[in-house]
Amino acid sequence: AGRRFQRAFQAGQMTGGGECAFLRLPNRQRPTGAFEVGDNALDARRAVGQAISRLGGHGSLPSNAAWFVLGLGLPVKEWAQRVRFGQGRTLSEEVARGIVIAALAMLATDQPRRRGAPRLPSC
């Protein structure tokens, strides 16, 4: 499940911008100067978007873990130090590992995120 997410993330030309990245990642430029994304990249972005939705949508801890750890390859320890939730609290590395494992399990089984789980601030 993690490798499938990572392949879609790479094929979709995603970067570190969270939900904002869906809006601004071109792979070629039209003669008019407008950017265009190829069909394969769009399909991959849809797959990433569906996975993010299954994990609770942008702002949920599992989707944030998937984006940064699985997609961008950030080490769990570094993600735990960077992520903030609730009233600006950070995560312990053990809790962060558990969130990544839960995200992988959710991606593998297509189970939606439990309602009421902590959410992250939007971008």
PDB file of N, CA and C in Angstrom:
ATOM      1  N   ALA A   1       0.828  -1.197   0.000  1.00  0.00           N
ATOM      2  CA  ALA A   1       0.000   0.000   0.000  1.00  0.00           C
ATOM      3  C   ALA A   1       0.870   1.258   0.000  1.00  0.00           C
ATOM      4  N   GLY A   2       1.940   1.223   0.786  1.00  0.00           N
ATOM      5  CA  GLY A   2       2.837   2.371   0.852  1.00  0.00           C
ATOM      6  C   GLY A   2       3.562   2.609  -0.455  1.00  0.00           C
ATOM      7  N   ARG A   3       4.009   1.527  -1.073  1.00  0.00           N
ATOM      8  CA  ARG A   3       4.708   1.665  -2.361  1.00  0.00           C
ATOM      9  C   ARG A   3       3.755   2.129  -3.457  1.00  0.00           C
ATOM     10  N   ARG A   4       2.516   1.654  -3.410  1.00  0.00           N
ATOM     11  CA  ARG A   4       1.512   2.086  -4.390  1.00  0.00           C
ATOM     12  C   ARG A   4       1.270   3.592  -4.242  1.00  0.00           C
ATOM     13  N   PHE A   5       1.135   4.061  -3.002  1.00  0.00           N
ATOM     14  CA  PHE A   5       0.951   5.485  -2.759  1.00  0.00           C
ATOM     15  C   PHE A   5       2.173   6.265  -3.262  1.00  0.00           C
ATOM     16  N   GLN A   6       3.364   5.775  -2.947  1.00  0.00           N
ATOM     17  CA  GLN A   6       4.592   6.460  -3.350  1.00  0.00           C
ATOM     18  C   GLN A   6       4.713   6.534  -4.867  1.00  0.00           C
ATOM     19  N   ARG A   7       4.382   5.449  -5.576  1.00  0.00           N
ATOM     20  CA  ARG A   7       4.451   5.462  -7.044  1.00  0.00           C
ATOM     21  C   ARG A   7       3.471   6.474  -7.626  1.00  0.00           C
ATOM     22  N   ALA A   8       2.249   6.509  -7.093  1.00  0.00           N
ATOM     23  CA  ALA A   8       1.263   7.480  -7.575  1.00  0.00           C
ATOM     24  C   ALA A   8       1.716   8.907  -7.275  1.00  0.00           C
ATOM     25  N   PHE A   9       2.283   9.098  -6.103  1.00  0.00           N
ATOM     26  CA  PHE A   9       2.784  10.407  -5.679  1.00  0.00           C
ATOM     27  C   PHE A   9       3.856  10.898  -6.659  1.00  0.00           C
ATOM     28  N   GLN A  10       4.787  10.017  -6.995  1.00  0.00           N
ATOM     29  CA  GLN A  10       5.865  10.380  -7.925  1.00  0.00           C
ATOM     30  C   GLN A  10       5.337  10.596  -9.338  1.00  0.00           C
ATOM     31  N   ALA A  11       4.445   9.714  -9.786  1.00  0.00           N
ATOM     32  CA  ALA A  11       3.888   9.856 -11.135  1.00  0.00           C
ATOM     33  C   ALA A  11       3.051  11.129 -11.262  1.00  0.00           C
ATOM     34  N   GLY A  12       2.438  11.545 -10.157  1.00  0.00           N
ATOM     35  CA  GLY A  12       1.637  12.768 -10.155  1.00  0.00           C
ATOM     36  C   GLY A  12       2.453  14.024 -10.006  1.00  0.00           C
ATOM     37  N   GLN A  13       3.772  13.875  -9.897  1.00  0.00           N
ATOM     38  CA  GLN A  13       4.691  15.004  -9.773  1.00  0.00           C
ATOM     39  C   GLN A  13       4.341  15.880  -8.574  1.00  0.00           C
ATOM     40  N   MET A  14       4.037  15.230  -7.464  1.00  0.00           N
ATOM     41  CA  MET A  14       3.666  15.938  -6.255  1.00  0.00           C
ATOM     42  C   MET A  14       4.930  16.435  -5.551  1.00  0.00           C
ATOM     43  N   THR A  15       4.791  17.516  -4.801  1.00  0.00           N
ATOM     44  CA  THR A  15       5.902  18.021  -4.003  1.00  0.00           C
ATOM     45  C   THR A  15       5.394  18.322  -2.607  1.00  0.00           C
ATOM     46  N   GLY A  16       6.125  19.100  -1.861  1.00  0.00           N
ATOM     47  CA  GLY A  16       5.819  19.298  -0.449  1.00  0.00           C
ATOM     48  C   GLY A  16       4.713  20.262  -0.100  1.00  0.00           C
ATOM     49  N   GLY A  17       3.892  20.683  -1.024  1.00  0.00           N
ATOM     50  CA  GLY A  17       2.913  21.716  -0.730  1.00  0.00           C
ATOM     51  C   GLY A  17       1.592  21.267  -0.167  1.00  0.00           C
ATOM     52  N   GLY A  18       1.447  20.025   0.204  1.00  0.00           N
ATOM     53  CA  GLY A  18       0.169  19.549   0.726  1.00  0.00           C
ATOM     54  C   GLY A  18      -0.923  19.689  -0.319  1.00  0.00           C
ATOM     55  N   GLU A  19      -2.133  20.028   0.121  1.00  0.00           N
ATOM     56  CA  GLU A  19      -3.247  20.113  -0.810  1.00  0.00           C
ATOM     57  C   GLU A  19      -3.005  21.173  -1.877  1.00  0.00           C
ATOM     58  N   CYS A  20      -2.194  22.163  -1.589  1.00  0.00           N
ATOM     59  CA  CYS A  20      -1.893  23.209  -2.559  1.00  0.00           C
ATOM     60  C   CYS A  20      -1.122  22.654  -3.752  1.00  0.00           C
ATOM     61  N   ALA A  21      -0.394  21.554  -3.562  1.00  0.00           N
ATOM     62  CA  ALA A  21       0.396  20.973  -4.642  1.00  0.00           C
ATOM     63  C   ALA A  21      -0.477  20.458  -5.770  1.00  0.00           C
ATOM     64  N   PHE A  22      -1.708  20.080  -5.483  1.00  0.00           N
ATOM     65  CA  PHE A  22      -2.601  19.601  -6.528  1.00  0.00           C
ATOM     66  C   PHE A  22      -2.861  20.693  -7.562  1.00  0.00           C
ATOM     67  N   LEU A  23      -2.714  21.938  -7.164  1.00  0.00           N
ATOM     68  CA  LEU A  23      -3.083  23.042  -8.028  1.00  0.00           C
ATOM     69  C   LEU A  23      -1.943  23.588  -8.877  1.00  0.00           C
ATOM     70  N   ARG A  24      -0.689  23.242  -8.591  1.00  0.00           N
ATOM     71  CA  ARG A  24       0.385  24.001  -9.232  1.00  0.00           C
ATOM     72  C   ARG A  24       1.556  23.180  -9.753  1.00  0.00           C
ATOM     73  N   LEU A  25       1.374  21.931 -10.069  1.00  0.00           N
ATOM     74  CA  LEU A  25       2.524  21.128 -10.467  1.00  0.00           C
ATOM     75  C   LEU A  25       2.490  20.734 -11.934  1.00  0.00           C
ATOM     76  N   PRO A  26       2.915  21.610 -12.800  1.00  0.00           N
ATOM     77  CA  PRO A  26       2.886  21.321 -14.234  1.00  0.00           C
ATOM     78  C   PRO A  26       4.036  20.417 -14.655  1.00  0.00           C
ATOM     79  N   ASN A  27       3.861  19.740 -15.809  1.00  0.00           N
ATOM     80  CA  ASN A  27       4.989  18.985 -16.348  1.00  0.00           C
ATOM     81  C   ASN A  27       5.367  19.450 -17.741  1.00  0.00           C
ATOM     82  N   ARG A  28       4.587  20.308 -18.337  1.00  0.00           N
ATOM     83  CA  ARG A  28       4.970  20.904 -19.620  1.00  0.00           C
ATOM     84  C   ARG A  28       4.232  22.233 -19.775  1.00  0.00           C
ATOM     85  N   GLN A  29       4.742  23.071 -20.659  1.00  0.00           N
ATOM     86  CA  GLN A  29       4.163  24.395 -20.823  1.00  0.00           C
ATOM     87  C   GLN A  29       3.564  24.513 -22.215  1.00  0.00           C
ATOM     88  N   ARG A  30       2.370  25.064 -22.301  1.00  0.00           N
ATOM     89  CA  ARG A  30       1.706  25.314 -23.576  1.00  0.00           C
ATOM     90  C   ARG A  30       2.324  26.549 -24.216  1.00  0.00           C
ATOM     91  N   PRO A  31       2.143  26.694 -25.522  1.00  0.00           N
ATOM     92  CA  PRO A  31       2.660  27.900 -26.192  1.00  0.00           C
ATOM     93  C   PRO A  31       2.106  29.199 -25.616  1.00  0.00           C
ATOM     94  N   THR A  32       0.919  29.130 -25.017  1.00  0.00           N
ATOM     95  CA  THR A  32       0.311  30.339 -24.445  1.00  0.00           C
ATOM     96  C   THR A  32       0.963  30.737 -23.129  1.00  0.00           C
ATOM     97  N   GLY A  33       1.829  29.872 -22.606  1.00  0.00           N
ATOM     98  CA  GLY A  33       2.457  30.158 -21.322  1.00  0.00           C
ATOM     99  C   GLY A  33       1.751  29.479 -20.172  1.00  0.00           C
ATOM    100  N   ALA A  34       0.547  28.932 -20.421  1.00  0.00           N
ATOM    101  CA  ALA A  34      -0.184  28.227 -19.368  1.00  0.00           C
ATOM    102  C   ALA A  34       0.419  26.836 -19.185  1.00  0.00           C
ATOM    103  N   PHE A  35       0.402  26.353 -17.975  1.00  0.00           N
ATOM    104  CA  PHE A  35       0.954  25.038 -17.695  1.00  0.00           C
ATOM    105  C   PHE A  35      -0.099  23.957 -17.887  1.00  0.00           C
ATOM    106  N   GLU A  36       0.372  22.803 -18.321  1.00  0.00           N
ATOM    107  CA  GLU A  36      -0.501  21.669 -18.578  1.00  0.00           C
ATOM    108  C   GLU A  36       0.090  20.434 -17.905  1.00  0.00           C
ATOM    109  N   VAL A  37      -0.760  19.615 -17.363  1.00  0.00           N
ATOM    110  CA  VAL A  37      -0.325  18.376 -16.728  1.00  0.00           C
ATOM    111  C   VAL A  37      -0.794  17.228 -17.606  1.00  0.00           C
ATOM    112  N   GLY A  38       0.082  16.255 -17.851  1.00  0.00           N
ATOM    113  CA  GLY A  38      -0.267  15.118 -18.694  1.00  0.00           C
ATOM    114  C   GLY A  38      -1.301  14.208 -18.055  1.00  0.00           C
ATOM    115  N   ASP A  39      -1.927  13.376 -18.904  1.00  0.00           N
ATOM    116  CA  ASP A  39      -2.981  12.469 -18.438  1.00  0.00           C
ATOM    117  C   ASP A  39      -2.487  11.502 -17.374  1.00  0.00           C
ATOM    118  N   ASN A  40      -1.289  10.963 -17.537  1.00  0.00           N
ATOM    119  CA  ASN A  40      -0.770  10.025 -16.535  1.00  0.00           C
ATOM    120  C   ASN A  40      -0.599  10.705 -15.178  1.00  0.00           C
ATOM    121  N   ALA A  41      -0.098  11.928 -15.210  1.00  0.00           N
ATOM    122  CA  ALA A  41       0.081  12.670 -13.959  1.00  0.00           C
ATOM    123  C   ALA A  41      -1.266  12.988 -13.325  1.00  0.00           C
ATOM    124  N   LEU A  42      -2.258  13.328 -14.143  1.00  0.00           N
ATOM    125  CA  LEU A  42      -3.591  13.618 -13.609  1.00  0.00           C
ATOM    126  C   LEU A  42      -4.208  12.375 -12.982  1.00  0.00           C
ATOM    127  N   ASP A  43      -4.069  11.227 -13.646  1.00  0.00           N
ATOM    128  CA  ASP A  43      -4.581   9.978 -13.087  1.00  0.00           C
ATOM    129  C   ASP A  43      -3.900   9.660 -11.764  1.00  0.00           C
ATOM    130  N   ALA A  44      -2.594   9.877 -11.713  1.00  0.00           N
ATOM    131  CA  ALA A  44      -1.844   9.615 -10.482  1.00  0.00           C
ATOM    132  C   ALA A  44      -2.280  10.571  -9.380  1.00  0.00           C
ATOM    133  N   ARG A  45      -2.520  11.826  -9.721  1.00  0.00           N
ATOM    134  CA  ARG A  45      -2.989  12.794  -8.730  1.00  0.00           C
ATOM    135  C   ARG A  45      -4.357  12.417  -8.190  1.00  0.00           C
ATOM    136  N   ARG A  46      -5.211  11.915  -9.082  1.00  0.00           N
ATOM    137  CA  ARG A  46      -6.530  11.453  -8.621  1.00  0.00           C
ATOM    138  C   ARG A  46      -6.368  10.310  -7.632  1.00  0.00           C
ATOM    139  N   ALA A  47      -5.450   9.381  -7.936  1.00  0.00           N
ATOM    140  CA  ALA A  47      -5.206   8.249  -7.025  1.00  0.00           C
ATOM    141  C   ALA A  47      -4.698   8.750  -5.678  1.00  0.00           C
ATOM    142  N   VAL A  48      -3.790   9.733  -5.694  1.00  0.00           N
ATOM    143  CA  VAL A  48      -3.280  10.307  -4.445  1.00  0.00           C
ATOM    144  C   VAL A  48      -4.420  11.005  -3.705  1.00  0.00           C
ATOM    145  N   GLY A  49      -5.226  11.751  -4.419  1.00  0.00           N
ATOM    146  CA  GLY A  49      -6.352  12.445  -3.798  1.00  0.00           C
ATOM    147  C   GLY A  49      -7.348  11.485  -3.159  1.00  0.00           C
ATOM    148  N   GLN A  50      -7.614  10.374  -3.832  1.00  0.00           N
ATOM    149  CA  GLN A  50      -8.518   9.366  -3.273  1.00  0.00           C
ATOM    150  C   GLN A  50      -7.916   8.741  -2.016  1.00  0.00           C
ATOM    151  N   ALA A  51      -6.611   8.474  -2.063  1.00  0.00           N
ATOM    152  CA  ALA A  51      -5.939   7.904  -0.887  1.00  0.00           C
ATOM    153  C   ALA A  51      -5.986   8.887   0.277  1.00  0.00           C
ATOM    154  N   ILE A  52      -5.722  10.156   0.001  1.00  0.00           N
ATOM    155  CA  ILE A  52      -5.770  11.186   1.044  1.00  0.00           C
ATOM    156  C   ILE A  52      -7.179  11.265   1.634  1.00  0.00           C
ATOM    157  N   SER A  53      -8.189  11.173   0.790  1.00  0.00           N
ATOM    158  CA  SER A  53      -9.577  11.185   1.280  1.00  0.00           C
ATOM    159  C   SER A  53      -9.860   9.983   2.166  1.00  0.00           C
ATOM    160  N   ARG A  54      -9.378   8.806   1.772  1.00  0.00           N
ATOM    161  CA  ARG A  54      -9.582   7.603   2.586  1.00  0.00           C
ATOM    162  C   ARG A  54      -8.903   7.728   3.942  1.00  0.00           C
ATOM    163  N   LEU A  55      -7.855   8.541   4.006  1.00  0.00           N
ATOM    164  CA  LEU A  55      -7.126   8.733   5.262  1.00  0.00           C
ATOM    165  C   LEU A  55      -7.694   9.881   6.101  1.00  0.00           C
ATOM    166  N   GLY A  56      -8.785  10.446   5.673  1.00  0.00           N
ATOM    167  CA  GLY A  56      -9.421  11.508   6.454  1.00  0.00           C
ATOM    168  C   GLY A  56      -9.329  12.879   5.834  1.00  0.00           C
ATOM    169  N   GLY A  57      -8.737  12.987   4.667  1.00  0.00           N
ATOM    170  CA  GLY A  57      -8.636  14.268   3.980  1.00  0.00           C
ATOM    171  C   GLY A  57      -7.447  15.084   4.476  1.00  0.00           C
ATOM    172  N   HIS A  58      -7.169  16.156   3.751  1.00  0.00           N
ATOM    173  CA  HIS A  58      -6.069  17.041   4.130  1.00  0.00           C
ATOM    174  C   HIS A  58      -6.333  17.579   5.527  1.00  0.00           C
ATOM    175  N   GLY A  59      -5.318  17.608   6.323  1.00  0.00           N
ATOM    176  CA  GLY A  59      -5.459  18.083   7.691  1.00  0.00           C
ATOM    177  C   GLY A  59      -5.520  16.965   8.707  1.00  0.00           C
ATOM    178  N   SER A  60      -5.742  15.722   8.267  1.00  0.00           N
ATOM    179  CA  SER A  60      -5.737  14.622   9.230  1.00  0.00           C
ATOM    180  C   SER A  60      -4.301  14.120   9.409  1.00  0.00           C
ATOM    181  N   LEU A  61      -4.012  13.609  10.581  1.00  0.00           N
ATOM    182  CA  LEU A  61      -2.662  13.099  10.839  1.00  0.00           C
ATOM    183  C   LEU A  61      -2.296  11.937   9.923  1.00  0.00           C
ATOM    184  N   PRO A  62      -3.186  10.954   9.658  1.00  0.00           N
ATOM    185  CA  PRO A  62      -2.796   9.873   8.748  1.00  0.00           C
ATOM    186  C   PRO A  62      -2.496  10.363   7.331  1.00  0.00           C
ATOM    187  N   SER A  63      -3.283  11.311   6.827  1.00  0.00           N
ATOM    188  CA  SER A  63      -3.006  11.809   5.475  1.00  0.00           C
ATOM    189  C   SER A  63      -1.718  12.626   5.447  1.00  0.00           C
ATOM    190  N   ASN A  64      -1.458  13.361   6.509  1.00  0.00           N
ATOM    191  CA  ASN A  64      -0.218  14.123   6.595  1.00  0.00           C
ATOM    192  C   ASN A  64       0.984  13.181   6.634  1.00  0.00           C
ATOM    193  N   ALA A  65       0.856  12.087   7.375  1.00  0.00           N
ATOM    194  CA  ALA A  65       1.926  11.090   7.430  1.00  0.00           C
ATOM    195  C   ALA A  65       2.154  10.475   6.060  1.00  0.00           C
ATOM    196  N   ALA A  66       1.075  10.140   5.368  1.00  0.00           N
ATOM    197  CA  ALA A  66       1.210   9.556   4.036  1.00  0.00           C
ATOM    198  C   ALA A  66       1.906  10.535   3.098  1.00  0.00           C
ATOM    199  N   TRP A  67       1.499  11.796   3.137  1.00  0.00           N
ATOM    200  CA  TRP A  67       2.067  12.803   2.229  1.00  0.00           C
ATOM    201  C   TRP A  67       3.570  12.957   2.461  1.00  0.00           C
ATOM    202  N   PHE A  68       3.939  13.197   3.713  1.00  0.00           N
ATOM    203  CA  PHE A  68       5.327  13.539   3.994  1.00  0.00           C
ATOM    204  C   PHE A  68       6.250  12.332   4.145  1.00  0.00           C
ATOM    205  N   VAL A  69       5.776  11.263   4.769  1.00  0.00           N
ATOM    206  CA  VAL A  69       6.636  10.101   5.003  1.00  0.00           C
ATOM    207  C   VAL A  69       6.624   9.167   3.801  1.00  0.00           C
ATOM    208  N   LEU A  70       5.429   8.767   3.356  1.00  0.00           N
ATOM    209  CA  LEU A  70       5.352   7.843   2.224  1.00  0.00           C
ATOM    210  C   LEU A  70       5.631   8.548   0.901  1.00  0.00           C
ATOM    211  N   GLY A  71       5.034   9.712   0.706  1.00  0.00           N
ATOM    212  CA  GLY A  71       5.177  10.415  -0.565  1.00  0.00           C
ATOM    213  C   GLY A  71       6.515  11.107  -0.748  1.00  0.00           C
ATOM    214  N   LEU A  72       6.874  11.937   0.211  1.00  0.00           N
ATOM    215  CA  LEU A  72       8.114  12.714   0.085  1.00  0.00           C
ATOM    216  C   LEU A  72       9.335  12.004   0.659  1.00  0.00           C
ATOM    217  N   GLY A  73       9.113  10.931   1.411  1.00  0.00           N
ATOM    218  CA  GLY A  73      10.232  10.166   1.955  1.00  0.00           C
ATOM    219  C   GLY A  73      10.885  10.781   3.179  1.00  0.00           C
ATOM    220  N   LEU A  74      10.166  11.646   3.874  1.00  0.00           N
ATOM    221  CA  LEU A  74      10.698  12.250   5.090  1.00  0.00           C
ATOM    222  C   LEU A  74      10.821  11.166   6.170  1.00  0.00           C
ATOM    223  N   PRO A  75      11.932  11.102   6.883  1.00  0.00           N
ATOM    224  CA  PRO A  75      12.032  10.120   7.969  1.00  0.00           C
ATOM    225  C   PRO A  75      10.957  10.365   9.028  1.00  0.00           C
ATOM    226  N   VAL A  76      10.466   9.295   9.628  1.00  0.00           N
ATOM    227  CA  VAL A  76       9.397   9.401  10.625  1.00  0.00           C
ATOM    228  C   VAL A  76       9.811  10.328  11.761  1.00  0.00           C
ATOM    229  N   LYS A  77      11.042  10.204  12.210  1.00  0.00           N
ATOM    230  CA  LYS A  77      11.523  11.041  13.311  1.00  0.00           C
ATOM    231  C   LYS A  77      11.437  12.523  12.945  1.00  0.00           C
ATOM    232  N   GLU A  78      11.850  12.864  11.736  1.00  0.00           N
ATOM    233  CA  GLU A  78      11.807  14.260  11.297  1.00  0.00           C
ATOM    234  C   GLU A  78      10.360  14.734  11.140  1.00  0.00           C
ATOM    235  N   TRP A  79       9.494  13.871  10.594  1.00  0.00           N
ATOM    236  CA  TRP A  79       8.077  14.233  10.466  1.00  0.00           C
ATOM    237  C   TRP A  79       7.480  14.491  11.849  1.00  0.00           C
ATOM    238  N   ALA A  80       7.814  13.643  12.817  1.00  0.00           N
ATOM    239  CA  ALA A  80       7.284  13.797  14.182  1.00  0.00           C
ATOM    240  C   ALA A  80       7.688  15.144  14.779  1.00  0.00           C
ATOM    241  N   GLN A  81       8.882  15.602  14.470  1.00  0.00           N
ATOM    242  CA  GLN A  81       9.358  16.878  15.004  1.00  0.00           C
ATOM    243  C   GLN A  81       8.716  18.070  14.303  1.00  0.00           C
ATOM    244  N   ARG A  82       8.327  17.884  13.047  1.00  0.00           N
ATOM    245  CA  ARG A  82       7.791  18.992  12.252  1.00  0.00           C
ATOM    246  C   ARG A  82       6.282  19.152  12.363  1.00  0.00           C
ATOM    247  N   VAL A  83       5.572  18.043  12.523  1.00  0.00           N
ATOM    248  CA  VAL A  83       4.107  18.089  12.502  1.00  0.00           C
ATOM    249  C   VAL A  83       3.582  18.719  13.798  1.00  0.00           C
ATOM    250  N   ARG A  84       2.519  19.481  13.669  1.00  0.00           N
ATOM    251  CA  ARG A  84       1.860  20.109  14.811  1.00  0.00           C
ATOM    252  C   ARG A  84       0.383  19.776  14.736  1.00  0.00           C
ATOM    253  N   PHE A  85      -0.230  19.521  15.873  1.00  0.00           N
ATOM    254  CA  PHE A  85      -1.660  19.260  15.908  1.00  0.00           C
ATOM    255  C   PHE A  85      -2.224  19.821  17.194  1.00  0.00           C
ATOM    256  N   GLY A  86      -3.538  19.856  17.272  1.00  0.00           N
ATOM    257  CA  GLY A  86      -4.174  20.398  18.474  1.00  0.00           C
ATOM    258  C   GLY A  86      -3.745  21.825  18.711  1.00  0.00           C
ATOM    259  N   GLN A  87      -3.154  22.070  19.850  1.00  0.00           N
ATOM    260  CA  GLN A  87      -2.707  23.420  20.199  1.00  0.00           C
ATOM    261  C   GLN A  87      -1.202  23.555  19.984  1.00  0.00           C
ATOM    262  N   GLY A  88      -0.751  23.127  18.808  1.00  0.00           N
ATOM    263  CA  GLY A  88       0.652  23.255  18.442  1.00  0.00           C
ATOM    264  C   GLY A  88       1.559  22.183  19.008  1.00  0.00           C
ATOM    265  N   ARG A  89       0.970  21.089  19.474  1.00  0.00           N
ATOM    266  CA  ARG A  89       1.779  20.008  20.060  1.00  0.00           C
ATOM    267  C   ARG A  89       2.484  19.205  18.974  1.00  0.00           C
ATOM    268  N   THR A  90       3.650  18.697  19.319  1.00  0.00           N
ATOM    269  CA  THR A  90       4.382  17.795  18.422  1.00  0.00           C
ATOM    270  C   THR A  90       4.070  16.356  18.818  1.00  0.00           C
ATOM    271  N   LEU A  91       4.548  15.430  18.019  1.00  0.00           N
ATOM    272  CA  LEU A  91       4.339  14.006  18.279  1.00  0.00           C
ATOM    273  C   LEU A  91       5.621  13.374  18.770  1.00  0.00           C
ATOM    274  N   SER A  92       5.489  12.369  19.618  1.00  0.00           N
ATOM    275  CA  SER A  92       6.665  11.563  19.943  1.00  0.00           C
ATOM    276  C   SER A  92       6.945  10.679  18.730  1.00  0.00           C
ATOM    277  N   GLU A  93       8.166  10.219  18.613  1.00  0.00           N
ATOM    278  CA  GLU A  93       8.516   9.355  17.477  1.00  0.00           C
ATOM    279  C   GLU A  93       7.686   8.071  17.497  1.00  0.00           C
ATOM    280  N   GLU A  94       7.412   7.544  18.674  1.00  0.00           N
ATOM    281  CA  GLU A  94       6.630   6.311  18.790  1.00  0.00           C
ATOM    282  C   GLU A  94       5.202   6.520  18.287  1.00  0.00           C
ATOM    283  N   VAL A  95       4.596   7.620  18.675  1.00  0.00           N
ATOM    284  CA  VAL A  95       3.239   7.922  18.217  1.00  0.00           C
ATOM    285  C   VAL A  95       3.245   8.155  16.712  1.00  0.00           C
ATOM    286  N   ALA A  96       4.247   8.866  16.215  1.00  0.00           N
ATOM    287  CA  ALA A  96       4.351   9.115  14.775  1.00  0.00           C
ATOM    288  C   ALA A  96       4.468   7.800  14.008  1.00  0.00           C
ATOM    289  N   ARG A  97       5.282   6.887  14.512  1.00  0.00           N
ATOM    290  CA  ARG A  97       5.409   5.570  13.876  1.00  0.00           C
ATOM    291  C   ARG A  97       4.060   4.860  13.825  1.00  0.00           C
ATOM    292  N   GLY A  98       3.322   4.943  14.924  1.00  0.00           N
ATOM    293  CA  GLY A  98       1.998   4.335  14.975  1.00  0.00           C
ATOM    294  C   GLY A  98       1.040   4.939  13.963  1.00  0.00           C
ATOM    295  N   ILE A  99       1.113   6.250  13.763  1.00  0.00           N
ATOM    296  CA  ILE A  99       0.252   6.922  12.785  1.00  0.00           C
ATOM    297  C   ILE A  99       0.610   6.477  11.376  1.00  0.00           C
ATOM    298  N   VAL A 100       1.900   6.351  11.088  1.00  0.00           N
ATOM    299  CA  VAL A 100       2.324   5.879   9.761  1.00  0.00           C
ATOM    300  C   VAL A 100       1.833   4.449   9.535  1.00  0.00           C
ATOM    301  N   ILE A 101       1.973   3.606  10.537  1.00  0.00           N
ATOM    302  CA  ILE A 101       1.510   2.217  10.419  1.00  0.00           C
ATOM    303  C   ILE A 101      -0.008   2.185  10.218  1.00  0.00           C
ATOM    304  N   ALA A 102      -0.728   3.011  10.961  1.00  0.00           N
ATOM    305  CA  ALA A 102      -2.180   3.074  10.799  1.00  0.00           C
ATOM    306  C   ALA A 102      -2.556   3.551   9.398  1.00  0.00           C
ATOM    307  N   ALA A 103      -1.832   4.547   8.883  1.00  0.00           N
ATOM    308  CA  ALA A 103      -2.104   5.036   7.526  1.00  0.00           C
ATOM    309  C   ALA A 103      -1.878   3.928   6.506  1.00  0.00           C
ATOM    310  N   LEU A 104      -0.798   3.174   6.671  1.00  0.00           N
ATOM    311  CA  LEU A 104      -0.528   2.058   5.759  1.00  0.00           C
ATOM    312  C   LEU A 104      -1.645   1.021   5.826  1.00  0.00           C
ATOM    313  N   ALA A 105      -2.087   0.716   7.026  1.00  0.00           N
ATOM    314  CA  ALA A 105      -3.167  -0.259   7.185  1.00  0.00           C
ATOM    315  C   ALA A 105      -4.455   0.243   6.543  1.00  0.00           C
ATOM    316  N   MET A 106      -4.741   1.528   6.730  1.00  0.00           N
ATOM    317  CA  MET A 106      -5.945   2.105   6.137  1.00  0.00           C
ATOM    318  C   MET A 106      -5.870   2.100   4.619  1.00  0.00           C
ATOM    319  N   LEU A 107      -4.710   2.391   4.074  1.00  0.00           N
ATOM    320  CA  LEU A 107      -4.544   2.353   2.620  1.00  0.00           C
ATOM    321  C   LEU A 107      -4.690   0.930   2.093  1.00  0.00           C
ATOM    322  N   ALA A 108      -4.191  -0.025   2.849  1.00  0.00           N
ATOM    323  CA  ALA A 108      -4.245  -1.422   2.416  1.00  0.00           C
ATOM    324  C   ALA A 108      -5.663  -1.979   2.471  1.00  0.00           C
ATOM    325  N   THR A 109      -6.465  -1.489   3.397  1.00  0.00           N
ATOM    326  CA  THR A 109      -7.813  -2.032   3.571  1.00  0.00           C
ATOM    327  C   THR A 109      -8.905  -1.080   3.108  1.00  0.00           C
ATOM    328  N   ASP A 110      -8.525   0.116   2.681  1.00  0.00           N
ATOM    329  CA  ASP A 110      -9.490   1.121   2.211  1.00  0.00           C
ATOM    330  C   ASP A 110     -10.510   1.487   3.270  1.00  0.00           C
ATOM    331  N   GLN A 111     -10.107   1.480   4.524  1.00  0.00           N
ATOM    332  CA  GLN A 111     -11.003   1.867   5.610  1.00  0.00           C
ATOM    333  C   GLN A 111     -10.929   3.367   5.823  1.00  0.00           C
ATOM    334  N   PRO A 112     -12.062   4.063   5.972  1.00  0.00           N
ATOM    335  CA  PRO A 112     -12.028   5.505   6.221  1.00  0.00           C
ATOM    336  C   PRO A 112     -11.496   5.818   7.607  1.00  0.00           C
ATOM    337  N   ARG A 113     -11.005   7.035   7.769  1.00  0.00           N
ATOM    338  CA  ARG A 113     -10.493   7.508   9.056  1.00  0.00           C
ATOM    339  C   ARG A 113     -11.626   7.614  10.050  1.00  0.00           C
ATOM    340  N   ARG A 114     -11.338   7.255  11.283  1.00  0.00           N
ATOM    341  CA  ARG A 114     -12.327   7.354  12.359  1.00  0.00           C
ATOM    342  C   ARG A 114     -12.672   8.822  12.589  1.00  0.00           C
ATOM    343  N   ARG A 115     -13.961   9.095  12.719  1.00  0.00           N
ATOM    344  CA  ARG A 115     -14.400  10.472  12.999  1.00  0.00           C
ATOM    345  C   ARG A 115     -13.855  10.926  14.347  1.00  0.00           C
ATOM    346  N   GLY A 116     -13.511  12.203  14.433  1.00  0.00           N
ATOM    347  CA  GLY A 116     -13.061  12.768  15.694  1.00  0.00           C
ATOM    348  C   GLY A 116     -11.563  12.647  15.928  1.00  0.00           C
ATOM    349  N   ALA A 117     -10.820  12.014  14.995  1.00  0.00           N
ATOM    350  CA  ALA A 117      -9.374  11.927  15.142  1.00  0.00           C
ATOM    351  C   ALA A 117      -8.775  13.327  14.990  1.00  0.00           C
ATOM    352  N   PRO A 118      -7.631  13.584  15.605  1.00  0.00           N
ATOM    353  CA  PRO A 118      -7.035  14.933  15.535  1.00  0.00           C
ATOM    354  C   PRO A 118      -6.768  15.364  14.093  1.00  0.00           C
ATOM    355  N   ARG A 119      -6.988  16.626  13.824  1.00  0.00           N
ATOM    356  CA  ARG A 119      -6.750  17.196  12.492  1.00  0.00           C
ATOM    357  C   ARG A 119      -5.661  18.249  12.585  1.00  0.00           C
ATOM    358  N   LEU A 120      -4.989  18.449  11.490  1.00  0.00           N
ATOM    359  CA  LEU A 120      -3.946  19.472  11.396  1.00  0.00           C
ATOM    360  C   LEU A 120      -4.542  20.756  10.832  1.00  0.00           C
ATOM    361  N   PRO A 121      -3.909  21.898  11.089  1.00  0.00           N
ATOM    362  CA  PRO A 121      -4.393  23.144  10.489  1.00  0.00           C
ATOM    363  C   PRO A 121      -4.233  23.080   8.970  1.00  0.00           C
ATOM    364  N   SER A 122      -5.120  23.753   8.223  1.00  0.00           N
ATOM    365  CA  SER A 122      -5.014  23.773   6.764  1.00  0.00           C
ATOM    366  C   SER A 122      -3.903  24.725   6.348  1.00  0.00           C
ATOM    367  N   CYS A 123      -3.488  24.614   5.060  1.00  0.00           N
ATOM    368  CA  CYS A 123      -2.340  25.430   4.588  1.00  0.00           C
ATOM    369  C   CYS A 123      -2.691  26.860   4.354  1.00  0.00           C
TER     370      CYS A 123
END
